[in-house]
Amino acid sequence: MLPDRVRQGIGSGLLNFIVPVLAETEAYCIPGDHLFDFYAQVQFRPIETEAAPGFLIERIKGYFKEGKKVAMMHRIAG
């Protein structure tokens, strides 16, 4: 991360750029706790870890073991 580039709208611009692709299929993400609101702006919502595909469950469990504060988020198509 480049501190002088934070909060300049770059990430939001990129996220909004892919919204049309996200509209075509469901999507998942595993953001750090400081990014929950960021992903919520394009309708990602927290879900129970067990509701995600198996490969993502394994990934998030690894993050938990590393002590990372993350959550599983999901966005429905549309």
PDB file of N, CA and C in Angstrom:
ATOM      1  N   MET A   1       0.836  -1.172   0.000  1.00  0.00           N
ATOM      2  CA  MET A   1       0.000   0.000   0.000  1.00  0.00           C
ATOM      3  C   MET A   1       0.883   1.238   0.000  1.00  0.00           C
ATOM      4  N   LEU A   2       0.490   2.207  -0.759  1.00  0.00           N
ATOM      5  CA  LEU A   2       1.209   3.481  -0.828  1.00  0.00           C
ATOM      6  C   LEU A   2       0.402   4.531  -0.068  1.00  0.00           C
ATOM      7  N   PRO A   3       0.846   4.922   1.114  1.00  0.00           N
ATOM      8  CA  PRO A   3       0.064   5.856   1.939  1.00  0.00           C
ATOM      9  C   PRO A   3      -0.337   7.140   1.219  1.00  0.00           C
ATOM     10  N   ASP A   4       0.500   7.634   0.314  1.00  0.00           N
ATOM     11  CA  ASP A   4       0.151   8.878  -0.379  1.00  0.00           C
ATOM     12  C   ASP A   4      -0.907   8.676  -1.464  1.00  0.00           C
ATOM     13  N   ARG A   5      -1.320   7.434  -1.684  1.00  0.00           N
ATOM     14  CA  ARG A   5      -2.353   7.138  -2.688  1.00  0.00           C
ATOM     15  C   ARG A   5      -3.674   6.698  -2.055  1.00  0.00           C
ATOM     16  N   VAL A   6      -3.722   6.611  -0.727  1.00  0.00           N
ATOM     17  CA  VAL A   6      -4.921   6.159  -0.023  1.00  0.00           C
ATOM     18  C   VAL A   6      -5.975   7.253  -0.044  1.00  0.00           C
ATOM     19  N   ARG A   7      -7.250   6.828  -0.165  1.00  0.00           N
ATOM     20  CA  ARG A   7      -8.420   7.713  -0.101  1.00  0.00           C
ATOM     21  C   ARG A   7      -8.450   8.743  -1.222  1.00  0.00           C
ATOM     22  N   GLN A   8      -7.988   8.338  -2.398  1.00  0.00           N
ATOM     23  CA  GLN A   8      -8.062   9.211  -3.562  1.00  0.00           C
ATOM     24  C   GLN A   8      -9.096   8.735  -4.573  1.00  0.00           C
ATOM     25  N   GLY A   9      -9.834   7.681  -4.238  1.00  0.00           N
ATOM     26  CA  GLY A   9     -10.887   7.194  -5.119  1.00  0.00           C
ATOM     27  C   GLY A   9     -10.424   6.179  -6.158  1.00  0.00           C
ATOM     28  N   ILE A  10      -9.161   5.790  -6.113  1.00  0.00           N
ATOM     29  CA  ILE A  10      -8.637   4.840  -7.101  1.00  0.00           C
ATOM     30  C   ILE A  10      -9.319   3.478  -6.950  1.00  0.00           C
ATOM     31  N   GLY A  11      -9.370   2.962  -5.728  1.00  0.00           N
ATOM     32  CA  GLY A  11     -10.012   1.667  -5.486  1.00  0.00           C
ATOM     33  C   GLY A  11     -11.488   1.694  -5.810  1.00  0.00           C
ATOM     34  N   SER A  12     -12.164   2.750  -5.414  1.00  0.00           N
ATOM     35  CA  SER A  12     -13.596   2.870  -5.712  1.00  0.00           C
ATOM     36  C   SER A  12     -13.832   2.922  -7.213  1.00  0.00           C
ATOM     37  N   GLY A  13     -12.970   3.623  -7.920  1.00  0.00           N
ATOM     38  CA  GLY A  13     -13.095   3.686  -9.378  1.00  0.00           C
ATOM     39  C   GLY A  13     -12.948   2.318 -10.017  1.00  0.00           C
ATOM     40  N   LEU A  14     -11.967   1.567  -9.559  1.00  0.00           N
ATOM     41  CA  LEU A  14     -11.759   0.212 -10.087  1.00  0.00           C
ATOM     42  C   LEU A  14     -12.939  -0.692  -9.746  1.00  0.00           C
ATOM     43  N   LEU A  15     -13.405  -0.610  -8.512  1.00  0.00           N
ATOM     44  CA  LEU A  15     -14.529  -1.434  -8.095  1.00  0.00           C
ATOM     45  C   LEU A  15     -15.769  -1.113  -8.920  1.00  0.00           C
ATOM     46  N   ASN A  16     -16.051   0.158  -9.105  1.00  0.00           N
ATOM     47  CA  ASN A  16     -17.215   0.547  -9.907  1.00  0.00           C
ATOM     48  C   ASN A  16     -17.063   0.161 -11.373  1.00  0.00           C
ATOM     49  N   PHE A  17     -15.840   0.117 -11.862  1.00  0.00           N
ATOM     50  CA  PHE A  17     -15.577  -0.286 -13.242  1.00  0.00           C
ATOM     51  C   PHE A  17     -15.995  -1.735 -13.489  1.00  0.00           C
ATOM     52  N   ILE A  18     -15.836  -2.599 -12.482  1.00  0.00           N
ATOM     53  CA  ILE A  18     -16.170  -4.017 -12.678  1.00  0.00           C
ATOM     54  C   ILE A  18     -17.609  -4.359 -12.299  1.00  0.00           C
ATOM     55  N   VAL A  19     -18.390  -3.387 -11.847  1.00  0.00           N
ATOM     56  CA  VAL A  19     -19.784  -3.652 -11.488  1.00  0.00           C
ATOM     57  C   VAL A  19     -20.559  -4.317 -12.630  1.00  0.00           C
ATOM     58  N   PRO A  20     -20.400  -3.917 -13.886  1.00  0.00           N
ATOM     59  CA  PRO A  20     -21.125  -4.618 -14.953  1.00  0.00           C
ATOM     60  C   PRO A  20     -20.779  -6.114 -15.024  1.00  0.00           C
ATOM     61  N   VAL A  21     -19.559  -6.459 -14.780  1.00  0.00           N
ATOM     62  CA  VAL A  21     -19.173  -7.882 -14.760  1.00  0.00           C
ATOM     63  C   VAL A  21     -19.795  -8.564 -13.551  1.00  0.00           C
ATOM     64  N   LEU A  22     -19.755  -7.885 -12.408  1.00  0.00           N
ATOM     65  CA  LEU A  22     -20.361  -8.457 -11.206  1.00  0.00           C
ATOM     66  C   LEU A  22     -21.856  -8.679 -11.384  1.00  0.00           C
ATOM     67  N   ALA A  23     -22.498  -7.887 -12.210  1.00  0.00           N
ATOM     68  CA  ALA A  23     -23.939  -8.030 -12.436  1.00  0.00           C
ATOM     69  C   ALA A  23     -24.288  -9.334 -13.136  1.00  0.00           C
ATOM     70  N   GLU A  24     -23.321  -9.937 -13.798  1.00  0.00           N
ATOM     71  CA  GLU A  24     -23.571 -11.150 -14.581  1.00  0.00           C
ATOM     72  C   GLU A  24     -23.454 -12.437 -13.779  1.00  0.00           C
ATOM     73  N   THR A  25     -22.853 -12.392 -12.609  1.00  0.00           N
ATOM     74  CA  THR A  25     -22.621 -13.608 -11.840  1.00  0.00           C
ATOM     75  C   THR A  25     -22.509 -13.284 -10.365  1.00  0.00           C
ATOM     76  N   GLU A  26     -22.683 -14.284  -9.529  1.00  0.00           N
ATOM     77  CA  GLU A  26     -22.454 -14.034  -8.113  1.00  0.00           C
ATOM     78  C   GLU A  26     -20.954 -13.929  -7.871  1.00  0.00           C
ATOM     79  N   ALA A  27     -20.587 -13.257  -6.805  1.00  0.00           N
ATOM     80  CA  ALA A  27     -19.172 -13.058  -6.507  1.00  0.00           C
ATOM     81  C   ALA A  27     -18.949 -13.111  -5.002  1.00  0.00           C
ATOM     82  N   TYR A  28     -17.731 -13.472  -4.629  1.00  0.00           N
ATOM     83  CA  TYR A  28     -17.324 -13.529  -3.232  1.00  0.00           C
ATOM     84  C   TYR A  28     -16.049 -12.719  -3.063  1.00  0.00           C
ATOM     85  N   CYS A  29     -15.835 -12.221  -1.857  1.00  0.00           N
ATOM     86  CA  CYS A  29     -14.554 -11.611  -1.527  1.00  0.00           C
ATOM     87  C   CYS A  29     -14.275 -11.857  -0.047  1.00  0.00           C
ATOM     88  N   ILE A  30     -13.009 -11.756   0.314  1.00  0.00           N
ATOM     89  CA  ILE A  30     -12.578 -11.949   1.697  1.00  0.00           C
ATOM     90  C   ILE A  30     -11.752 -10.728   2.096  1.00  0.00           C
ATOM     91  N   PRO A  31     -12.419  -9.620   2.391  1.00  0.00           N
ATOM     92  CA  PRO A  31     -11.674  -8.408   2.730  1.00  0.00           C
ATOM     93  C   PRO A  31     -11.287  -8.339   4.199  1.00  0.00           C
ATOM     94  N   GLY A  32     -10.268  -7.540   4.466  1.00  0.00           N
ATOM     95  CA  GLY A  32      -9.931  -7.200   5.836  1.00  0.00           C
ATOM     96  C   GLY A  32     -11.057  -6.378   6.432  1.00  0.00           C
ATOM     97  N   ASP A  33     -11.151  -6.383   7.762  1.00  0.00           N
ATOM     98  CA  ASP A  33     -12.276  -5.719   8.420  1.00  0.00           C
ATOM     99  C   ASP A  33     -12.372  -4.226   8.115  1.00  0.00           C
ATOM    100  N   HIS A  34     -11.276  -3.606   7.750  1.00  0.00           N
ATOM    101  CA  HIS A  34     -11.311  -2.178   7.426  1.00  0.00           C
ATOM    102  C   HIS A  34     -11.901  -1.904   6.044  1.00  0.00           C
ATOM    103  N   LEU A  35     -12.188  -2.969   5.266  1.00  0.00           N
ATOM    104  CA  LEU A  35     -12.718  -2.804   3.910  1.00  0.00           C
ATOM    105  C   LEU A  35     -14.178  -3.244   3.754  1.00  0.00           C
ATOM    106  N   PHE A  36     -14.844  -3.613   4.847  1.00  0.00           N
ATOM    107  CA  PHE A  36     -16.228  -4.080   4.739  1.00  0.00           C
ATOM    108  C   PHE A  36     -17.125  -3.030   4.097  1.00  0.00           C
ATOM    109  N   ASP A  37     -17.035  -1.793   4.552  1.00  0.00           N
ATOM    110  CA  ASP A  37     -17.879  -0.726   3.986  1.00  0.00           C
ATOM    111  C   ASP A  37     -17.526  -0.447   2.527  1.00  0.00           C
ATOM    112  N   PHE A  38     -16.257  -0.576   2.194  1.00  0.00           N
ATOM    113  CA  PHE A  38     -15.807  -0.357   0.821  1.00  0.00           C
ATOM    114  C   PHE A  38     -16.521  -1.317  -0.126  1.00  0.00           C
ATOM    115  N   TYR A  39     -16.532  -2.603   0.204  1.00  0.00           N
ATOM    116  CA  TYR A  39     -17.189  -3.583  -0.657  1.00  0.00           C
ATOM    117  C   TYR A  39     -18.707  -3.512  -0.562  1.00  0.00           C
ATOM    118  N   ALA A  40     -19.223  -3.055   0.565  1.00  0.00           N
ATOM    119  CA  ALA A  40     -20.676  -2.907   0.708  1.00  0.00           C
ATOM    120  C   ALA A  40     -21.229  -1.870  -0.262  1.00  0.00           C
ATOM    121  N   GLN A  41     -20.388  -0.922  -0.700  1.00  0.00           N
ATOM    122  CA  GLN A  41     -20.884   0.108  -1.621  1.00  0.00           C
ATOM    123  C   GLN A  41     -21.316  -0.467  -2.968  1.00  0.00           C
ATOM    124  N   VAL A  42     -20.897  -1.696  -3.292  1.00  0.00           N
ATOM    125  CA  VAL A  42     -21.367  -2.355  -4.521  1.00  0.00           C
ATOM    126  C   VAL A  42     -22.112  -3.656  -4.183  1.00  0.00           C
ATOM    127  N   GLN A  43     -22.799  -3.611  -3.060  1.00  0.00           N
ATOM    128  CA  GLN A  43     -23.725  -4.663  -2.622  1.00  0.00           C
ATOM    129  C   GLN A  43     -23.090  -5.987  -2.194  1.00  0.00           C
ATOM    130  N   PHE A  44     -21.844  -6.010  -1.801  1.00  0.00           N
ATOM    131  CA  PHE A  44     -21.308  -7.196  -1.133  1.00  0.00           C
ATOM    132  C   PHE A  44     -21.841  -7.175   0.293  1.00  0.00           C
ATOM    133  N   ARG A  45     -22.273  -8.334   0.791  1.00  0.00           N
ATOM    134  CA  ARG A  45     -22.807  -8.464   2.139  1.00  0.00           C
ATOM    135  C   ARG A  45     -22.080  -9.587   2.868  1.00  0.00           C
ATOM    136  N   PRO A  46     -21.860  -9.421   4.173  1.00  0.00           N
ATOM    137  CA  PRO A  46     -21.229 -10.498   4.945  1.00  0.00           C
ATOM    138  C   PRO A  46     -22.111 -11.745   4.948  1.00  0.00           C
ATOM    139  N   ILE A  47     -21.481 -12.891   4.875  1.00  0.00           N
ATOM    140  CA  ILE A  47     -22.196 -14.168   4.972  1.00  0.00           C
ATOM    141  C   ILE A  47     -21.438 -15.070   5.936  1.00  0.00           C
ATOM    142  N   GLU A  48     -22.098 -16.117   6.373  1.00  0.00           N
ATOM    143  CA  GLU A  48     -21.428 -17.127   7.189  1.00  0.00           C
ATOM    144  C   GLU A  48     -20.386 -17.820   6.327  1.00  0.00           C
ATOM    145  N   THR A  49     -19.237 -18.063   6.888  1.00  0.00           N
ATOM    146  CA  THR A  49     -18.147 -18.695   6.153  1.00  0.00           C
ATOM    147  C   THR A  49     -18.594 -19.984   5.479  1.00  0.00           C
ATOM    148  N   GLU A  50     -19.387 -20.786   6.170  1.00  0.00           N
ATOM    149  CA  GLU A  50     -19.807 -22.093   5.658  1.00  0.00           C
ATOM    150  C   GLU A  50     -20.712 -22.000   4.435  1.00  0.00           C
ATOM    151  N   ALA A  51     -21.233 -20.813   4.135  1.00  0.00           N
ATOM    152  CA  ALA A  51     -22.110 -20.637   2.974  1.00  0.00           C
ATOM    153  C   ALA A  51     -21.328 -20.406   1.686  1.00  0.00           C
ATOM    154  N   ALA A  52     -20.015 -20.292   1.784  1.00  0.00           N
ATOM    155  CA  ALA A  52     -19.165 -20.030   0.616  1.00  0.00           C
ATOM    156  C   ALA A  52     -18.709 -21.340  -0.018  1.00  0.00           C
ATOM    157  N   PRO A  53     -18.195 -21.277  -1.248  1.00  0.00           N
ATOM    158  CA  PRO A  53     -17.627 -22.470  -1.877  1.00  0.00           C
ATOM    159  C   PRO A  53     -16.462 -23.025  -1.034  1.00  0.00           C
ATOM    160  N   GLY A  54     -16.269 -24.328  -1.112  1.00  0.00           N
ATOM    161  CA  GLY A  54     -15.261 -25.013  -0.304  1.00  0.00           C
ATOM    162  C   GLY A  54     -13.866 -24.424  -0.380  1.00  0.00           C
ATOM    163  N   PHE A  55     -13.410 -24.069  -1.586  1.00  0.00           N
ATOM    164  CA  PHE A  55     -12.049 -23.559  -1.714  1.00  0.00           C
ATOM    165  C   PHE A  55     -11.878 -22.223  -0.991  1.00  0.00           C
ATOM    166  N   LEU A  56     -12.962 -21.436  -0.909  1.00  0.00           N
ATOM    167  CA  LEU A  56     -12.887 -20.172  -0.180  1.00  0.00           C
ATOM    168  C   LEU A  56     -12.952 -20.392   1.326  1.00  0.00           C
ATOM    169  N   ILE A  57     -13.689 -21.405   1.741  1.00  0.00           N
ATOM    170  CA  ILE A  57     -13.727 -21.744   3.168  1.00  0.00           C
ATOM    171  C   ILE A  57     -12.324 -22.095   3.639  1.00  0.00           C
ATOM    172  N   GLU A  58     -11.620 -22.888   2.868  1.00  0.00           N
ATOM    173  CA  GLU A  58     -10.252 -23.257   3.238  1.00  0.00           C
ATOM    174  C   GLU A  58      -9.343 -22.033   3.269  1.00  0.00           C
ATOM    175  N   ARG A  59      -9.507 -21.142   2.324  1.00  0.00           N
ATOM    176  CA  ARG A  59      -8.679 -19.937   2.277  1.00  0.00           C
ATOM    177  C   ARG A  59      -8.921 -19.059   3.505  1.00  0.00           C
ATOM    178  N   ILE A  60     -10.194 -18.825   3.838  1.00  0.00           N
ATOM    179  CA  ILE A  60     -10.473 -17.945   4.969  1.00  0.00           C
ATOM    180  C   ILE A  60     -10.029 -18.583   6.285  1.00  0.00           C
ATOM    181  N   LYS A  61     -10.125 -19.897   6.396  1.00  0.00           N
ATOM    182  CA  LYS A  61      -9.639 -20.571   7.602  1.00  0.00           C
ATOM    183  C   LYS A  61      -8.137 -20.346   7.771  1.00  0.00           C
ATOM    184  N   GLY A  62      -7.409 -20.356   6.660  1.00  0.00           N
ATOM    185  CA  GLY A  62      -5.973 -20.065   6.706  1.00  0.00           C
ATOM    186  C   GLY A  62      -5.712 -18.641   7.180  1.00  0.00           C
ATOM    187  N   TYR A  63      -6.512 -17.695   6.707  1.00  0.00           N
ATOM    188  CA  TYR A  63      -6.371 -16.303   7.153  1.00  0.00           C
ATOM    189  C   TYR A  63      -6.648 -16.190   8.649  1.00  0.00           C
ATOM    190  N   PHE A  64      -7.678 -16.902   9.124  1.00  0.00           N
ATOM    191  CA  PHE A  64      -7.994 -16.871  10.552  1.00  0.00           C
ATOM    192  C   PHE A  64      -6.822 -17.421  11.367  1.00  0.00           C
ATOM    193  N   LYS A  65      -6.219 -18.517  10.894  1.00  0.00           N
ATOM    194  CA  LYS A  65      -5.065 -19.097  11.601  1.00  0.00           C
ATOM    195  C   LYS A  65      -3.901 -18.126  11.676  1.00  0.00           C
ATOM    196  N   GLU A  66      -3.771 -17.261  10.666  1.00  0.00           N
ATOM    197  CA  GLU A  66      -2.708 -16.252  10.646  1.00  0.00           C
ATOM    198  C   GLU A  66      -3.061 -15.041  11.506  1.00  0.00           C
ATOM    199  N   GLY A  67      -4.274 -15.044  12.077  1.00  0.00           N
ATOM    200  CA  GLY A  67      -4.698 -13.944  12.924  1.00  0.00           C
ATOM    201  C   GLY A  67      -5.263 -12.749  12.178  1.00  0.00           C
ATOM    202  N   LYS A  68      -5.554 -12.938  10.907  1.00  0.00           N
ATOM    203  CA  LYS A  68      -6.094 -11.833  10.111  1.00  0.00           C
ATOM    204  C   LYS A  68      -7.574 -11.627  10.434  1.00  0.00           C
ATOM    205  N   LYS A  69      -7.976 -10.376  10.482  1.00  0.00           N
ATOM    206  CA  LYS A  69      -9.368 -10.021  10.743  1.00  0.00           C
ATOM    207  C   LYS A  69     -10.062  -9.805   9.413  1.00  0.00           C
ATOM    208  N   VAL A  70     -10.693 -10.860   8.938  1.00  0.00           N
ATOM    209  CA  VAL A  70     -11.371 -10.863   7.640  1.00  0.00           C
ATOM    210  C   VAL A  70     -12.763 -11.444   7.799  1.00  0.00           C
ATOM    211  N   ALA A  71     -13.554 -11.313   6.750  1.00  0.00           N
ATOM    212  CA  ALA A  71     -14.879 -11.913   6.725  1.00  0.00           C
ATOM    213  C   ALA A  71     -15.202 -12.316   5.288  1.00  0.00           C
ATOM    214  N   MET A  72     -16.075 -13.288   5.169  1.00  0.00           N
ATOM    215  CA  MET A  72     -16.550 -13.707   3.858  1.00  0.00           C
ATOM    216  C   MET A  72     -17.690 -12.777   3.457  1.00  0.00           C
ATOM    217  N   MET A  73     -17.601 -12.263   2.234  1.00  0.00           N
ATOM    218  CA  MET A  73     -18.662 -11.413   1.707  1.00  0.00           C
ATOM    219  C   MET A  73     -19.117 -11.983   0.356  1.00  0.00           C
ATOM    220  N   HIS A  74     -20.385 -11.735   0.053  1.00  0.00           N
ATOM    221  CA  HIS A  74     -21.014 -12.296  -1.142  1.00  0.00           C
ATOM    222  C   HIS A  74     -21.849 -11.218  -1.821  1.00  0.00           C
ATOM    223  N   ARG A  75     -21.872 -11.289  -3.137  1.00  0.00           N
ATOM    224  CA  ARG A  75     -22.709 -10.380  -3.934  1.00  0.00           C
ATOM    225  C   ARG A  75     -23.480 -11.239  -4.916  1.00  0.00           C
ATOM    226  N   ILE A  76     -24.808 -11.080  -4.915  1.00  0.00           N
ATOM    227  CA  ILE A  76     -25.618 -11.842  -5.858  1.00  0.00           C
ATOM    228  C   ILE A  76     -25.551 -11.186  -7.231  1.00  0.00           C
ATOM    229  N   ALA A  77     -25.823 -11.949  -8.261  1.00  0.00           N
ATOM    230  CA  ALA A  77     -25.829 -11.405  -9.616  1.00  0.00           C
ATOM    231  C   ALA A  77     -26.953 -10.388  -9.743  1.00  0.00           C
ATOM    232  N   GLY A  78     -26.719  -9.412 -10.592  1.00  0.00           N
ATOM    233  CA  GLY A  78     -27.757  -8.419 -10.852  1.00  0.00           C
ATOM    234  C   GLY A  78     -27.418  -7.059 -10.326  1.00  0.00           C
TER     235      GLY A  78
END
